[in-house]
Amino acid sequence: MENKHKTLQFKTNINCGGCIATVTPFLNETEGVCHWEVDTTNKDKILTVETTEINEQQIIETVQKAGFKIEPLNS
């Protein structure tokens, strides 16, 4: 059985290395997150998450728990 990776993107206010360090343990401990990164050079601070099993809402809740604003990126 093949794992299907989904790529989800969000607008956040994670805008520096310190913010990334704060959110790292939250995202790293989330079951189903394969890889994630934040483009702090983009004005919308785009968080890209590759996942196998969790949904958009679970990622939003995780990032909010870490103390940041997050919303789905409408393409």
PDB file of N, CA and C in Angstrom:
ATOM      1  N   MET A   1       0.843  -1.195   0.000  1.00  0.00           N
ATOM      2  CA  MET A   1       0.000   0.000   0.000  1.00  0.00           C
ATOM      3  C   MET A   1       0.887   1.257   0.000  1.00  0.00           C
ATOM      4  N   GLU A   2       0.557   2.172  -0.855  1.00  0.00           N
ATOM      5  CA  GLU A   2       1.406   3.351  -1.034  1.00  0.00           C
ATOM      6  C   GLU A   2       0.855   4.518  -0.221  1.00  0.00           C
ATOM      7  N   ASN A   3       1.732   5.198   0.502  1.00  0.00           N
ATOM      8  CA  ASN A   3       1.323   6.395   1.239  1.00  0.00           C
ATOM      9  C   ASN A   3       1.202   7.551   0.274  1.00  0.00           C
ATOM     10  N   LYS A   4       0.059   8.222   0.297  1.00  0.00           N
ATOM     11  CA  LYS A   4      -0.102   9.392  -0.562  1.00  0.00           C
ATOM     12  C   LYS A   4       0.226  10.645   0.236  1.00  0.00           C
ATOM     13  N   HIS A   5       1.196  11.366  -0.237  1.00  0.00           N
ATOM     14  CA  HIS A   5       1.569  12.618   0.419  1.00  0.00           C
ATOM     15  C   HIS A   5       0.703  13.739  -0.118  1.00  0.00           C
ATOM     16  N   LYS A   6       0.198  14.545   0.805  1.00  0.00           N
ATOM     17  CA  LYS A   6      -0.532  15.756   0.425  1.00  0.00           C
ATOM     18  C   LYS A   6       0.354  16.925   0.801  1.00  0.00           C
ATOM     19  N   THR A   7       0.330  17.964  -0.008  1.00  0.00           N
ATOM     20  CA  THR A   7       1.051  19.190   0.340  1.00  0.00           C
ATOM     21  C   THR A   7       0.010  20.262   0.632  1.00  0.00           C
ATOM     22  N   LEU A   8       0.070  20.800   1.852  1.00  0.00           N
ATOM     23  CA  LEU A   8      -0.860  21.843   2.279  1.00  0.00           C
ATOM     24  C   LEU A   8      -0.071  23.127   2.486  1.00  0.00           C
ATOM     25  N   GLN A   9      -0.680  24.259   2.128  1.00  0.00           N
ATOM     26  CA  GLN A   9       0.005  25.537   2.312  1.00  0.00           C
ATOM     27  C   GLN A   9      -0.874  26.509   3.089  1.00  0.00           C
ATOM     28  N   PHE A  10      -0.219  27.306   3.945  1.00  0.00           N
ATOM     29  CA  PHE A  10      -0.917  28.232   4.833  1.00  0.00           C
ATOM     30  C   PHE A  10      -0.191  29.563   4.875  1.00  0.00           C
ATOM     31  N   LYS A  11      -0.963  30.620   5.120  1.00  0.00           N
ATOM     32  CA  LYS A  11      -0.396  31.936   5.441  1.00  0.00           C
ATOM     33  C   LYS A  11      -0.215  31.967   6.952  1.00  0.00           C
ATOM     34  N   THR A  12       0.936  32.434   7.417  1.00  0.00           N
ATOM     35  CA  THR A  12       1.183  32.480   8.869  1.00  0.00           C
ATOM     36  C   THR A  12       1.827  33.807   9.244  1.00  0.00           C
ATOM     37  N   ASN A  13       2.077  33.973  10.557  1.00  0.00           N
ATOM     38  CA  ASN A  13       2.894  35.095  11.011  1.00  0.00           C
ATOM     39  C   ASN A  13       4.191  34.586  11.643  1.00  0.00           C
ATOM     40  N   ILE A  14       4.652  33.429  11.167  1.00  0.00           N
ATOM     41  CA  ILE A  14       5.945  32.862  11.583  1.00  0.00           C
ATOM     42  C   ILE A  14       6.997  33.560  10.731  1.00  0.00           C
ATOM     43  N   ASN A  15       7.726  34.520  11.316  1.00  0.00           N
ATOM     44  CA  ASN A  15       8.522  35.378  10.434  1.00  0.00           C
ATOM     45  C   ASN A  15      10.014  35.437  10.740  1.00  0.00           C
ATOM     46  N   CYS A  16      10.528  34.581  11.624  1.00  0.00           N
ATOM     47  CA  CYS A  16      11.958  34.632  11.916  1.00  0.00           C
ATOM     48  C   CYS A  16      12.424  33.283  12.459  1.00  0.00           C
ATOM     49  N   GLY A  17      13.714  33.163  12.611  1.00  0.00           N
ATOM     50  CA  GLY A  17      14.286  31.920  13.128  1.00  0.00           C
ATOM     51  C   GLY A  17      13.768  31.557  14.511  1.00  0.00           C
ATOM     52  N   GLY A  18      13.564  32.570  15.344  1.00  0.00           N
ATOM     53  CA  GLY A  18      13.032  32.318  16.694  1.00  0.00           C
ATOM     54  C   GLY A  18      11.633  31.743  16.651  1.00  0.00           C
ATOM     55  N   CYS A  19      10.814  32.268  15.728  1.00  0.00           N
ATOM     56  CA  CYS A  19       9.446  31.751  15.569  1.00  0.00           C
ATOM     57  C   CYS A  19       9.486  30.306  15.089  1.00  0.00           C
ATOM     58  N   ILE A  20      10.373  30.038  14.136  1.00  0.00           N
ATOM     59  CA  ILE A  20      10.494  28.673  13.610  1.00  0.00           C
ATOM     60  C   ILE A  20      10.927  27.727  14.730  1.00  0.00           C
ATOM     61  N   ALA A  21      11.859  28.173  15.571  1.00  0.00           N
ATOM     62  CA  ALA A  21      12.312  27.342  16.694  1.00  0.00           C
ATOM     63  C   ALA A  21      11.164  27.052  17.658  1.00  0.00           C
ATOM     64  N   THR A  22      10.260  28.021  17.846  1.00  0.00           N
ATOM     65  CA  THR A  22       9.116  27.831  18.737  1.00  0.00           C
ATOM     66  C   THR A  22       8.133  26.820  18.174  1.00  0.00           C
ATOM     67  N   VAL A  23       7.875  26.886  16.889  1.00  0.00           N
ATOM     68  CA  VAL A  23       6.852  26.022  16.285  1.00  0.00           C
ATOM     69  C   VAL A  23       7.392  24.621  15.959  1.00  0.00           C
ATOM     70  N   THR A  24       8.710  24.494  15.841  1.00  0.00           N
ATOM     71  CA  THR A  24       9.320  23.210  15.451  1.00  0.00           C
ATOM     72  C   THR A  24       8.860  22.013  16.281  1.00  0.00           C
ATOM     73  N   PRO A  25       8.946  22.074  17.643  1.00  0.00           N
ATOM     74  CA  PRO A  25       8.529  20.875  18.387  1.00  0.00           C
ATOM     75  C   PRO A  25       7.060  20.531  18.187  1.00  0.00           C
ATOM     76  N   PHE A  26       6.223  21.534  17.999  1.00  0.00           N
ATOM     77  CA  PHE A  26       4.789  21.278  17.798  1.00  0.00           C
ATOM     78  C   PHE A  26       4.569  20.508  16.489  1.00  0.00           C
ATOM     79  N   LEU A  27       5.179  20.982  15.411  1.00  0.00           N
ATOM     80  CA  LEU A  27       4.982  20.327  14.117  1.00  0.00           C
ATOM     81  C   LEU A  27       5.714  18.987  14.049  1.00  0.00           C
ATOM     82  N   ASN A  28       6.909  18.919  14.655  1.00  0.00           N
ATOM     83  CA  ASN A  28       7.677  17.675  14.594  1.00  0.00           C
ATOM     84  C   ASN A  28       7.004  16.547  15.373  1.00  0.00           C
ATOM     85  N   GLU A  29       6.238  16.893  16.409  1.00  0.00           N
ATOM     86  CA  GLU A  29       5.582  15.854  17.214  1.00  0.00           C
ATOM     87  C   GLU A  29       4.205  15.504  16.684  1.00  0.00           C
ATOM     88  N   THR A  30       3.775  16.153  15.620  1.00  0.00           N
ATOM     89  CA  THR A  30       2.455  15.883  15.059  1.00  0.00           C
ATOM     90  C   THR A  30       2.527  14.662  14.163  1.00  0.00           C
ATOM     91  N   GLU A  31       1.749  13.659  14.521  1.00  0.00           N
ATOM     92  CA  GLU A  31       1.681  12.412  13.754  1.00  0.00           C
ATOM     93  C   GLU A  31       1.216  12.718  12.328  1.00  0.00           C
ATOM     94  N   GLY A  32       1.911  12.176  11.341  1.00  0.00           N
ATOM     95  CA  GLY A  32       1.455  12.340   9.964  1.00  0.00           C
ATOM     96  C   GLY A  32       2.139  13.464   9.206  1.00  0.00           C
ATOM     97  N   VAL A  33       2.918  14.303   9.899  1.00  0.00           N
ATOM     98  CA  VAL A  33       3.659  15.355   9.200  1.00  0.00           C
ATOM     99  C   VAL A  33       4.991  14.757   8.742  1.00  0.00           C
ATOM    100  N   CYS A  34       5.230  14.755   7.429  1.00  0.00           N
ATOM    101  CA  CYS A  34       6.468  14.179   6.883  1.00  0.00           C
ATOM    102  C   CYS A  34       7.570  15.225   6.806  1.00  0.00           C
ATOM    103  N   HIS A  35       7.192  16.397   6.362  1.00  0.00           N
ATOM    104  CA  HIS A  35       8.165  17.468   6.150  1.00  0.00           C
ATOM    105  C   HIS A  35       7.413  18.784   6.193  1.00  0.00           C
ATOM    106  N   TRP A  36       8.072  19.826   6.679  1.00  0.00           N
ATOM    107  CA  TRP A  36       7.445  21.152   6.654  1.00  0.00           C
ATOM    108  C   TRP A  36       8.520  22.212   6.572  1.00  0.00           C
ATOM    109  N   GLU A  37       8.142  23.369   6.061  1.00  0.00           N
ATOM    110  CA  GLU A  37       9.063  24.509   6.019  1.00  0.00           C
ATOM    111  C   GLU A  37       8.268  25.799   5.916  1.00  0.00           C
ATOM    112  N   VAL A  38       8.892  26.875   6.371  1.00  0.00           N
ATOM    113  CA  VAL A  38       8.262  28.195   6.291  1.00  0.00           C
ATOM    114  C   VAL A  38       9.130  29.076   5.409  1.00  0.00           C
ATOM    115  N   ASP A  39       8.497  29.710   4.437  1.00  0.00           N
ATOM    116  CA  ASP A  39       9.211  30.663   3.584  1.00  0.00           C
ATOM    117  C   ASP A  39       9.087  32.044   4.215  1.00  0.00           C
ATOM    118  N   THR A  40      10.064  32.394   5.070  1.00  0.00           N
ATOM    119  CA  THR A  40       9.996  33.683   5.774  1.00  0.00           C
ATOM    120  C   THR A  40      10.313  34.856   4.849  1.00  0.00           C
ATOM    121  N   THR A  41      10.792  34.586   3.631  1.00  0.00           N
ATOM    122  CA  THR A  41      11.063  35.682   2.694  1.00  0.00           C
ATOM    123  C   THR A  41       9.798  36.106   1.956  1.00  0.00           C
ATOM    124  N   ASN A  42       8.784  35.244   1.953  1.00  0.00           N
ATOM    125  CA  ASN A  42       7.510  35.568   1.309  1.00  0.00           C
ATOM    126  C   ASN A  42       6.711  36.481   2.226  1.00  0.00           C
ATOM    127  N   LYS A  43       6.031  37.495   1.678  1.00  0.00           N
ATOM    128  CA  LYS A  43       5.286  38.435   2.538  1.00  0.00           C
ATOM    129  C   LYS A  43       4.190  37.734   3.355  1.00  0.00           C
ATOM    130  N   ASP A  44       3.681  36.601   2.845  1.00  0.00           N
ATOM    131  CA  ASP A  44       2.639  35.868   3.568  1.00  0.00           C
ATOM    132  C   ASP A  44       3.198  34.790   4.504  1.00  0.00           C
ATOM    133  N   LYS A  45       4.543  34.680   4.595  1.00  0.00           N
ATOM    134  CA  LYS A  45       5.188  33.690   5.477  1.00  0.00           C
ATOM    135  C   LYS A  45       4.567  32.309   5.267  1.00  0.00           C
ATOM    136  N   ILE A  46       4.715  31.786   4.059  1.00  0.00           N
ATOM    137  CA  ILE A  46       4.026  30.561   3.663  1.00  0.00           C
ATOM    138  C   ILE A  46       4.601  29.335   4.376  1.00  0.00           C
ATOM    139  N   LEU A  47       3.733  28.631   5.088  1.00  0.00           N
ATOM    140  CA  LEU A  47       4.068  27.350   5.697  1.00  0.00           C
ATOM    141  C   LEU A  47       3.626  26.258   4.733  1.00  0.00           C
ATOM    142  N   THR A  48       4.554  25.412   4.335  1.00  0.00           N
ATOM    143  CA  THR A  48       4.244  24.278   3.464  1.00  0.00           C
ATOM    144  C   THR A  48       4.429  23.007   4.289  1.00  0.00           C
ATOM    145  N   VAL A  49       3.405  22.174   4.316  1.00  0.00           N
ATOM    146  CA  VAL A  49       3.446  20.935   5.095  1.00  0.00           C
ATOM    147  C   VAL A  49       3.165  19.764   4.171  1.00  0.00           C
ATOM    148  N   GLU A  50       4.059  18.771   4.197  1.00  0.00           N
ATOM    149  CA  GLU A  50       3.791  17.520   3.497  1.00  0.00           C
ATOM    150  C   GLU A  50       3.289  16.542   4.539  1.00  0.00           C
ATOM    151  N   THR A  51       2.150  15.932   4.255  1.00  0.00           N
ATOM    152  CA  THR A  51       1.516  15.071   5.229  1.00  0.00           C
ATOM    153  C   THR A  51       0.969  13.814   4.572  1.00  0.00           C
ATOM    154  N   THR A  52       0.846  12.751   5.350  1.00  0.00           N
ATOM    155  CA  THR A  52       0.226  11.534   4.840  1.00  0.00           C
ATOM    156  C   THR A  52      -1.177  11.361   5.385  1.00  0.00           C
ATOM    157  N   GLU A  53      -1.415  11.858   6.601  1.00  0.00           N
ATOM    158  CA  GLU A  53      -2.719  11.525   7.180  1.00  0.00           C
ATOM    159  C   GLU A  53      -3.465  12.640   7.887  1.00  0.00           C
ATOM    160  N   ILE A  54      -2.822  13.739   8.221  1.00  0.00           N
ATOM    161  CA  ILE A  54      -3.587  14.740   8.966  1.00  0.00           C
ATOM    162  C   ILE A  54      -4.147  15.787   8.023  1.00  0.00           C
ATOM    163  N   ASN A  55      -5.192  16.468   8.481  1.00  0.00           N
ATOM    164  CA  ASN A  55      -5.858  17.428   7.606  1.00  0.00           C
ATOM    165  C   ASN A  55      -5.486  18.860   7.961  1.00  0.00           C
ATOM    166  N   GLU A  56      -5.979  19.767   7.137  1.00  0.00           N
ATOM    167  CA  GLU A  56      -5.715  21.198   7.273  1.00  0.00           C
ATOM    168  C   GLU A  56      -6.049  21.703   8.680  1.00  0.00           C
ATOM    169  N   GLN A  57      -7.211  21.311   9.182  1.00  0.00           N
ATOM    170  CA  GLN A  57      -7.666  21.790  10.486  1.00  0.00           C
ATOM    171  C   GLN A  57      -6.704  21.378  11.608  1.00  0.00           C
ATOM    172  N   GLN A  58      -6.180  20.167  11.535  1.00  0.00           N
ATOM    173  CA  GLN A  58      -5.252  19.694  12.571  1.00  0.00           C
ATOM    174  C   GLN A  58      -3.951  20.498  12.551  1.00  0.00           C
ATOM    175  N   ILE A  59      -3.494  20.870  11.368  1.00  0.00           N
ATOM    176  CA  ILE A  59      -2.277  21.680  11.273  1.00  0.00           C
ATOM    177  C   ILE A  59      -2.537  23.077  11.816  1.00  0.00           C
ATOM    178  N   ILE A  60      -3.691  23.646  11.483  1.00  0.00           N
ATOM    179  CA  ILE A  60      -4.064  24.969  11.989  1.00  0.00           C
ATOM    180  C   ILE A  60      -4.082  24.962  13.522  1.00  0.00           C
ATOM    181  N   GLU A  61      -4.699  23.943  14.114  1.00  0.00           N
ATOM    182  CA  GLU A  61      -4.764  23.849  15.584  1.00  0.00           C
ATOM    183  C   GLU A  61      -3.374  23.714  16.191  1.00  0.00           C
ATOM    184  N   THR A  62      -2.502  22.940  15.558  1.00  0.00           N
ATOM    185  CA  THR A  62      -1.136  22.744  16.061  1.00  0.00           C
ATOM    186  C   THR A  62      -0.371  24.058  16.072  1.00  0.00           C
ATOM    187  N   VAL A  63      -0.453  24.812  14.977  1.00  0.00           N
ATOM    188  CA  VAL A  63       0.289  26.074  14.878  1.00  0.00           C
ATOM    189  C   VAL A  63      -0.301  27.110  15.847  1.00  0.00           C
ATOM    190  N   GLN A  64      -1.621  27.099  16.016  1.00  0.00           N
ATOM    191  CA  GLN A  64      -2.242  28.020  16.980  1.00  0.00           C
ATOM    192  C   GLN A  64      -1.813  27.684  18.406  1.00  0.00           C
ATOM    193  N   LYS A  65      -1.672  26.399  18.710  1.00  0.00           N
ATOM    194  CA  LYS A  65      -1.192  25.978  20.036  1.00  0.00           C
ATOM    195  C   LYS A  65       0.198  26.529  20.301  1.00  0.00           C
ATOM    196  N   ALA A  66       1.004  26.631  19.246  1.00  0.00           N
ATOM    197  CA  ALA A  66       2.354  27.171  19.373  1.00  0.00           C
ATOM    198  C   ALA A  66       2.332  28.695  19.515  1.00  0.00           C
ATOM    199  N   GLY A  67       1.151  29.307  19.319  1.00  0.00           N
ATOM    200  CA  GLY A  67       1.010  30.743  19.538  1.00  0.00           C
ATOM    201  C   GLY A  67       1.055  31.600  18.283  1.00  0.00           C
ATOM    202  N   PHE A  68       0.843  30.995  17.114  1.00  0.00           N
ATOM    203  CA  PHE A  68       0.924  31.761  15.882  1.00  0.00           C
ATOM    204  C   PHE A  68      -0.411  31.825  15.152  1.00  0.00           C
ATOM    205  N   LYS A  69      -0.526  32.842  14.317  1.00  0.00           N
ATOM    206  CA  LYS A  69      -1.696  32.970  13.451  1.00  0.00           C
ATOM    207  C   LYS A  69      -1.459  32.129  12.210  1.00  0.00           C
ATOM    208  N   ILE A  70      -2.510  31.504  11.715  1.00  0.00           N
ATOM    209  CA  ILE A  70      -2.387  30.668  10.526  1.00  0.00           C
ATOM    210  C   ILE A  70      -3.734  30.627   9.835  1.00  0.00           C
ATOM    211  N   GLU A  71      -3.707  30.639   8.509  1.00  0.00           N
ATOM    212  CA  GLU A  71      -4.949  30.465   7.752  1.00  0.00           C
ATOM    213  C   GLU A  71      -4.614  29.740   6.464  1.00  0.00           C
ATOM    214  N   PRO A  72      -5.565  28.979   5.918  1.00  0.00           N
ATOM    215  CA  PRO A  72      -5.293  28.261   4.675  1.00  0.00           C
ATOM    216  C   PRO A  72      -4.943  29.248   3.565  1.00  0.00           C
ATOM    217  N   LEU A  73      -4.024  28.861   2.721  1.00  0.00           N
ATOM    218  CA  LEU A  73      -3.645  29.676   1.577  1.00  0.00           C
ATOM    219  C   LEU A  73      -4.621  29.361   0.450  1.00  0.00           C
ATOM    220  N   ASN A  74      -5.388  30.344   0.059  1.00  0.00           N
ATOM    221  CA  ASN A  74      -6.344  30.113  -1.028  1.00  0.00           C
ATOM    222  C   ASN A  74      -5.641  30.300  -2.346  1.00  0.00           C
ATOM    223  N   SER A  75      -5.578  29.227  -3.097  1.00  0.00           N
ATOM    224  CA  SER A  75      -4.839  29.318  -4.363  1.00  0.00           C
ATOM    225  C   SER A  75      -5.724  29.868  -5.459  1.00  0.00           C
TER     226      SER A  75
END
